[in-house]
């Protein structure tokens, strides 16, 4: 298993480190990578909208699944949307893309789990 010693893993989700089902599975996944694959805890990085205090975590509201742009998308899903909505969606998407890009580059991520 020596090939995994230097791999850097990124885990992206809206909520990490809380007492919900997804957070529990994320913790189980990280623990399995540490125990079974011998990946160092320092090589596992987290990106989320919200997280309890933990090692190697970046946060940004853009990943919150109840953010303002998502609420607008849902509101206008079957209706004619305001013209500015397309630009707002694009701006949010580009912001998310840049946050992910910076996270990957800064932490030298080899594998991103979402």
N, C-alpha and C. Protein backbone atom coordinates (compact mmCIF):
# COMPACT_ATOMS: atom_id res chain seq x y z
N UNK A 1 0.81 -1.21 0.00
CA UNK A 1 0.00 0.00 0.00
C UNK A 1 0.85 1.26 0.00
N UNK A 2 2.12 1.16 -0.24
CA UNK A 2 3.00 2.32 -0.21
C UNK A 2 2.62 3.37 -1.25
N UNK A 3 1.93 2.97 -2.32
CA UNK A 3 1.60 3.93 -3.37
C UNK A 3 0.65 5.02 -2.87
N UNK A 4 -0.03 4.80 -1.77
CA UNK A 4 -1.01 5.76 -1.26
C UNK A 4 -0.42 6.73 -0.23
N UNK A 5 0.84 6.53 0.15
CA UNK A 5 1.43 7.36 1.20
C UNK A 5 1.42 8.84 0.89
N UNK A 6 1.56 9.21 -0.37
CA UNK A 6 1.72 10.62 -0.71
C UNK A 6 0.52 11.19 -1.47
N UNK A 7 -0.52 10.42 -1.61
CA UNK A 7 -1.71 10.91 -2.32
C UNK A 7 -2.44 11.94 -1.46
N UNK A 8 -2.93 12.97 -2.09
CA UNK A 8 -3.71 13.99 -1.39
C UNK A 8 -5.17 13.87 -1.84
N UNK A 9 -6.06 13.70 -0.89
CA UNK A 9 -7.48 13.51 -1.13
C UNK A 9 -8.23 14.78 -0.75
N UNK A 10 -9.13 15.21 -1.59
CA UNK A 10 -10.03 16.32 -1.26
C UNK A 10 -11.45 15.80 -1.15
N UNK A 11 -12.15 16.22 -0.12
CA UNK A 11 -13.55 15.82 0.06
C UNK A 11 -14.38 17.10 0.10
N UNK A 12 -15.35 17.17 -0.83
CA UNK A 12 -16.19 18.35 -0.99
C UNK A 12 -17.65 18.00 -0.70
N UNK A 13 -18.24 18.77 0.20
CA UNK A 13 -19.67 18.62 0.48
C UNK A 13 -20.16 19.89 1.15
N UNK A 14 -21.47 20.07 1.22
CA UNK A 14 -21.99 21.30 1.81
C UNK A 14 -21.81 21.36 3.33
N UNK A 15 -21.85 20.23 3.99
CA UNK A 15 -21.77 20.18 5.45
C UNK A 15 -20.86 19.03 5.84
N UNK A 16 -19.84 19.31 6.64
CA UNK A 16 -18.89 18.29 7.06
C UNK A 16 -18.65 18.42 8.56
N UNK A 17 -18.56 17.28 9.21
CA UNK A 17 -18.18 17.27 10.62
C UNK A 17 -19.31 17.52 11.59
N UNK A 18 -20.52 17.36 11.15
CA UNK A 18 -21.67 17.53 12.04
C UNK A 18 -22.22 16.15 12.40
N UNK A 19 -23.43 16.09 12.89
CA UNK A 19 -24.01 14.82 13.33
C UNK A 19 -25.09 14.34 12.36
N UNK A 20 -24.91 14.64 11.07
CA UNK A 20 -25.87 14.19 10.06
C UNK A 20 -25.29 12.97 9.34
N UNK A 21 -26.11 12.31 8.55
CA UNK A 21 -25.70 11.08 7.89
C UNK A 21 -24.52 11.24 6.96
N UNK A 22 -24.51 12.29 6.14
CA UNK A 22 -23.41 12.49 5.19
C UNK A 22 -22.11 12.76 5.94
N UNK A 23 -22.16 13.58 6.97
CA UNK A 23 -20.95 13.86 7.75
C UNK A 23 -20.39 12.60 8.38
N UNK A 24 -21.27 11.75 8.87
CA UNK A 24 -20.83 10.49 9.48
C UNK A 24 -20.15 9.61 8.44
N UNK A 25 -20.72 9.52 7.24
CA UNK A 25 -20.13 8.71 6.17
C UNK A 25 -18.79 9.31 5.72
N UNK A 26 -18.70 10.63 5.65
CA UNK A 26 -17.44 11.27 5.29
C UNK A 26 -16.37 10.92 6.32
N UNK A 27 -16.71 10.98 7.59
CA UNK A 27 -15.75 10.61 8.64
C UNK A 27 -15.36 9.14 8.54
N UNK A 28 -16.33 8.27 8.26
CA UNK A 28 -16.03 6.85 8.08
C UNK A 28 -15.10 6.63 6.90
N UNK A 29 -15.33 7.35 5.81
CA UNK A 29 -14.49 7.25 4.62
C UNK A 29 -13.07 7.70 4.93
N UNK A 30 -12.93 8.84 5.59
CA UNK A 30 -11.60 9.33 5.95
C UNK A 30 -10.89 8.35 6.88
N UNK A 31 -11.61 7.83 7.85
CA UNK A 31 -11.00 6.85 8.77
C UNK A 31 -10.56 5.59 8.04
N UNK A 32 -11.35 5.13 7.08
CA UNK A 32 -10.98 3.94 6.29
C UNK A 32 -9.74 4.22 5.46
N UNK A 33 -9.64 5.41 4.87
CA UNK A 33 -8.45 5.75 4.08
C UNK A 33 -7.21 5.80 4.98
N UNK A 34 -7.37 6.31 6.19
CA UNK A 34 -6.25 6.39 7.13
C UNK A 34 -5.84 4.99 7.58
N UNK A 35 -6.81 4.19 7.97
CA UNK A 35 -6.54 2.87 8.53
C UNK A 35 -6.15 1.85 7.46
N UNK A 36 -6.95 1.75 6.42
CA UNK A 36 -6.77 0.68 5.44
C UNK A 36 -5.79 1.02 4.32
N UNK A 37 -5.73 2.29 3.94
CA UNK A 37 -4.86 2.69 2.85
C UNK A 37 -3.60 3.39 3.34
N UNK A 38 -3.53 3.61 4.64
CA UNK A 38 -2.38 4.26 5.28
C UNK A 38 -2.12 5.67 4.76
N UNK A 39 -3.21 6.37 4.39
CA UNK A 39 -3.10 7.77 3.98
C UNK A 39 -3.04 8.61 5.24
N UNK A 40 -2.09 9.51 5.30
CA UNK A 40 -1.94 10.38 6.46
C UNK A 40 -3.13 11.31 6.60
N UNK A 41 -3.56 11.57 7.82
CA UNK A 41 -4.64 12.53 8.05
C UNK A 41 -4.29 13.88 7.43
N UNK A 42 -3.04 14.24 7.44
CA UNK A 42 -2.60 15.50 6.86
C UNK A 42 -2.74 15.57 5.35
N UNK A 43 -3.01 14.43 4.72
CA UNK A 43 -3.20 14.37 3.27
C UNK A 43 -4.67 14.32 2.88
N UNK A 44 -5.56 14.44 3.83
CA UNK A 44 -6.99 14.47 3.56
C UNK A 44 -7.47 15.89 3.86
N UNK A 45 -8.06 16.52 2.84
CA UNK A 45 -8.46 17.91 2.92
C UNK A 45 -9.97 18.03 2.68
N UNK A 46 -10.60 18.94 3.36
CA UNK A 46 -12.06 19.08 3.30
C UNK A 46 -12.42 20.48 2.78
N UNK A 47 -13.45 20.52 1.94
CA UNK A 47 -13.98 21.78 1.42
C UNK A 47 -15.49 21.73 1.59
N UNK A 48 -16.04 22.70 2.29
CA UNK A 48 -17.47 22.68 2.62
C UNK A 48 -17.99 24.09 2.80
N UNK A 49 -19.30 24.20 2.84
CA UNK A 49 -19.91 25.48 3.20
C UNK A 49 -19.79 25.69 4.71
N UNK A 50 -20.07 24.62 5.45
CA UNK A 50 -20.03 24.67 6.91
C UNK A 50 -19.34 23.42 7.43
N UNK A 51 -18.57 23.60 8.48
CA UNK A 51 -17.86 22.48 9.07
C UNK A 51 -17.60 22.77 10.54
N UNK A 52 -17.62 21.71 11.34
CA UNK A 52 -17.15 21.88 12.71
C UNK A 52 -15.63 22.08 12.61
N UNK A 53 -15.03 22.65 13.63
CA UNK A 53 -13.58 22.86 13.57
C UNK A 53 -12.86 21.52 13.35
N UNK A 54 -12.05 21.48 12.31
CA UNK A 54 -11.28 20.27 12.03
C UNK A 54 -10.06 20.64 11.22
N UNK A 55 -9.13 19.74 11.22
CA UNK A 55 -7.87 19.88 10.52
C UNK A 55 -8.09 19.91 9.01
N UNK A 56 -7.37 20.75 8.30
CA UNK A 56 -7.38 20.78 6.83
C UNK A 56 -8.74 21.09 6.22
N UNK A 57 -9.45 22.06 6.73
CA UNK A 57 -10.76 22.38 6.19
C UNK A 57 -10.81 23.81 5.67
N UNK A 58 -11.32 23.96 4.47
CA UNK A 58 -11.65 25.26 3.88
C UNK A 58 -13.16 25.36 3.84
N UNK A 59 -13.69 26.55 4.05
CA UNK A 59 -15.14 26.75 3.93
C UNK A 59 -15.45 27.94 3.02
N UNK A 60 -16.57 27.82 2.34
CA UNK A 60 -17.07 28.91 1.51
C UNK A 60 -18.58 28.72 1.36
N UNK A 61 -19.32 29.77 1.59
CA UNK A 61 -20.79 29.72 1.54
C UNK A 61 -21.35 29.26 0.19
N UNK A 62 -20.55 29.35 -0.86
CA UNK A 62 -21.03 28.99 -2.19
C UNK A 62 -21.48 27.52 -2.24
N UNK A 63 -20.96 26.70 -1.35
CA UNK A 63 -21.30 25.27 -1.35
C UNK A 63 -22.49 24.92 -0.46
N UNK A 64 -23.10 25.94 0.16
CA UNK A 64 -24.28 25.68 0.99
C UNK A 64 -25.45 25.35 0.09
N UNK A 65 -26.09 24.25 0.35
CA UNK A 65 -27.17 23.76 -0.51
C UNK A 65 -28.47 24.57 -0.37
N UNK A 66 -28.48 25.54 0.51
CA UNK A 66 -29.65 26.40 0.66
C UNK A 66 -29.27 27.86 0.43
N UNK A 67 -28.31 28.09 -0.47
CA UNK A 67 -27.88 29.48 -0.69
C UNK A 67 -28.91 30.25 -1.50
N UNK A 68 -28.71 31.54 -1.60
CA UNK A 68 -29.71 32.41 -2.23
C UNK A 68 -29.94 32.09 -3.70
N UNK A 69 -28.91 31.74 -4.43
CA UNK A 69 -29.09 31.46 -5.86
C UNK A 69 -29.89 30.17 -6.07
N UNK A 70 -29.65 29.17 -5.25
CA UNK A 70 -30.43 27.93 -5.36
C UNK A 70 -31.90 28.20 -5.05
N UNK A 71 -32.16 29.00 -4.05
CA UNK A 71 -33.55 29.35 -3.74
C UNK A 71 -34.24 30.04 -4.91
N UNK A 72 -33.50 30.92 -5.61
CA UNK A 72 -34.07 31.58 -6.79
C UNK A 72 -34.31 30.59 -7.92
N UNK A 73 -33.39 29.67 -8.13
CA UNK A 73 -33.56 28.66 -9.17
C UNK A 73 -34.81 27.84 -8.90
N UNK A 74 -34.99 27.43 -7.66
CA UNK A 74 -36.18 26.65 -7.29
C UNK A 74 -37.45 27.50 -7.47
N UNK A 75 -37.39 28.74 -7.07
CA UNK A 75 -38.56 29.63 -7.16
C UNK A 75 -39.02 29.79 -8.61
N UNK A 76 -38.07 29.90 -9.53
CA UNK A 76 -38.41 30.15 -10.93
C UNK A 76 -38.30 28.92 -11.82
N UNK A 77 -38.23 27.74 -11.22
CA UNK A 77 -38.01 26.52 -11.98
C UNK A 77 -39.02 26.33 -13.12
N UNK A 78 -40.27 26.52 -12.85
CA UNK A 78 -41.32 26.33 -13.86
C UNK A 78 -41.95 27.64 -14.32
N UNK A 79 -41.25 28.73 -14.06
CA UNK A 79 -41.77 30.06 -14.40
C UNK A 79 -40.75 30.79 -15.26
N UNK A 80 -41.16 31.92 -15.77
CA UNK A 80 -40.23 32.78 -16.48
C UNK A 80 -39.35 33.47 -15.44
N UNK A 81 -38.07 33.30 -15.57
CA UNK A 81 -37.16 33.86 -14.57
C UNK A 81 -36.73 35.27 -14.96
N UNK A 82 -36.34 36.06 -13.98
CA UNK A 82 -35.83 37.40 -14.27
C UNK A 82 -34.56 37.29 -15.13
N UNK A 83 -34.36 38.25 -15.97
CA UNK A 83 -33.21 38.24 -16.88
C UNK A 83 -31.89 38.13 -16.12
N UNK A 84 -31.78 38.79 -15.01
CA UNK A 84 -30.52 38.79 -14.26
C UNK A 84 -30.18 37.43 -13.63
N UNK A 85 -31.15 36.51 -13.57
CA UNK A 85 -30.89 35.22 -12.93
C UNK A 85 -29.80 34.44 -13.66
N UNK A 86 -29.79 34.46 -14.98
CA UNK A 86 -28.75 33.75 -15.72
C UNK A 86 -27.36 34.26 -15.34
N UNK A 87 -27.22 35.56 -15.25
CA UNK A 87 -25.92 36.13 -14.87
C UNK A 87 -25.55 35.76 -13.43
N UNK A 88 -26.53 35.76 -12.54
CA UNK A 88 -26.27 35.40 -11.14
C UNK A 88 -25.83 33.94 -11.03
N UNK A 89 -26.49 33.06 -11.77
CA UNK A 89 -26.10 31.64 -11.77
C UNK A 89 -24.67 31.50 -12.28
N UNK A 90 -24.37 32.17 -13.37
CA UNK A 90 -23.03 32.10 -13.95
C UNK A 90 -21.98 32.62 -12.96
N UNK A 91 -22.26 33.75 -12.32
CA UNK A 91 -21.32 34.31 -11.35
C UNK A 91 -21.06 33.34 -10.20
N UNK A 92 -22.12 32.73 -9.69
CA UNK A 92 -21.96 31.77 -8.59
C UNK A 92 -21.18 30.54 -9.05
N UNK A 93 -21.48 30.06 -10.26
CA UNK A 93 -20.77 28.90 -10.79
C UNK A 93 -19.28 29.20 -10.96
N UNK A 94 -18.96 30.37 -11.47
CA UNK A 94 -17.55 30.74 -11.65
C UNK A 94 -16.85 30.91 -10.30
N UNK A 95 -17.55 31.44 -9.32
CA UNK A 95 -16.96 31.56 -7.98
C UNK A 95 -16.67 30.17 -7.42
N UNK A 96 -17.63 29.25 -7.53
CA UNK A 96 -17.43 27.88 -7.04
C UNK A 96 -16.25 27.23 -7.77
N UNK A 97 -16.19 27.41 -9.08
CA UNK A 97 -15.10 26.84 -9.87
C UNK A 97 -13.75 27.36 -9.37
N UNK A 98 -13.66 28.66 -9.11
CA UNK A 98 -12.40 29.24 -8.64
C UNK A 98 -12.02 28.77 -7.25
N UNK A 99 -13.00 28.63 -6.37
CA UNK A 99 -12.72 28.13 -5.02
C UNK A 99 -12.18 26.70 -5.11
N UNK A 100 -12.84 25.86 -5.91
CA UNK A 100 -12.39 24.48 -6.07
C UNK A 100 -10.99 24.43 -6.69
N UNK A 101 -10.77 25.24 -7.71
CA UNK A 101 -9.46 25.29 -8.37
C UNK A 101 -8.37 25.67 -7.37
N UNK A 102 -8.60 26.71 -6.59
CA UNK A 102 -7.62 27.15 -5.60
C UNK A 102 -7.38 26.09 -4.53
N UNK A 103 -8.47 25.45 -4.09
CA UNK A 103 -8.38 24.38 -3.10
C UNK A 103 -7.51 23.24 -3.63
N UNK A 104 -7.77 22.82 -4.87
CA UNK A 104 -7.01 21.72 -5.48
C UNK A 104 -5.54 22.10 -5.64
N UNK A 105 -5.28 23.28 -6.17
CA UNK A 105 -3.90 23.71 -6.38
C UNK A 105 -3.15 23.89 -5.07
N UNK A 106 -3.76 24.56 -4.10
CA UNK A 106 -3.09 24.83 -2.82
C UNK A 106 -2.75 23.53 -2.07
N UNK A 107 -3.67 22.58 -2.11
CA UNK A 107 -3.48 21.33 -1.36
C UNK A 107 -2.91 20.19 -2.21
N UNK A 108 -2.61 20.49 -3.47
CA UNK A 108 -2.04 19.50 -4.39
C UNK A 108 -2.90 18.23 -4.41
N UNK A 109 -4.22 18.42 -4.60
CA UNK A 109 -5.18 17.33 -4.56
C UNK A 109 -4.99 16.41 -5.77
N UNK A 110 -4.90 15.11 -5.50
CA UNK A 110 -4.81 14.09 -6.55
C UNK A 110 -6.18 13.50 -6.87
N UNK A 111 -7.05 13.44 -5.88
CA UNK A 111 -8.38 12.84 -6.04
C UNK A 111 -9.38 13.68 -5.27
N UNK A 112 -10.44 14.14 -5.95
CA UNK A 112 -11.49 14.92 -5.32
C UNK A 112 -12.74 14.07 -5.21
N UNK A 113 -13.25 13.94 -4.01
CA UNK A 113 -14.48 13.17 -3.76
C UNK A 113 -15.58 14.16 -3.47
N UNK A 114 -16.71 13.99 -4.17
CA UNK A 114 -17.85 14.88 -3.96
C UNK A 114 -19.09 14.05 -3.73
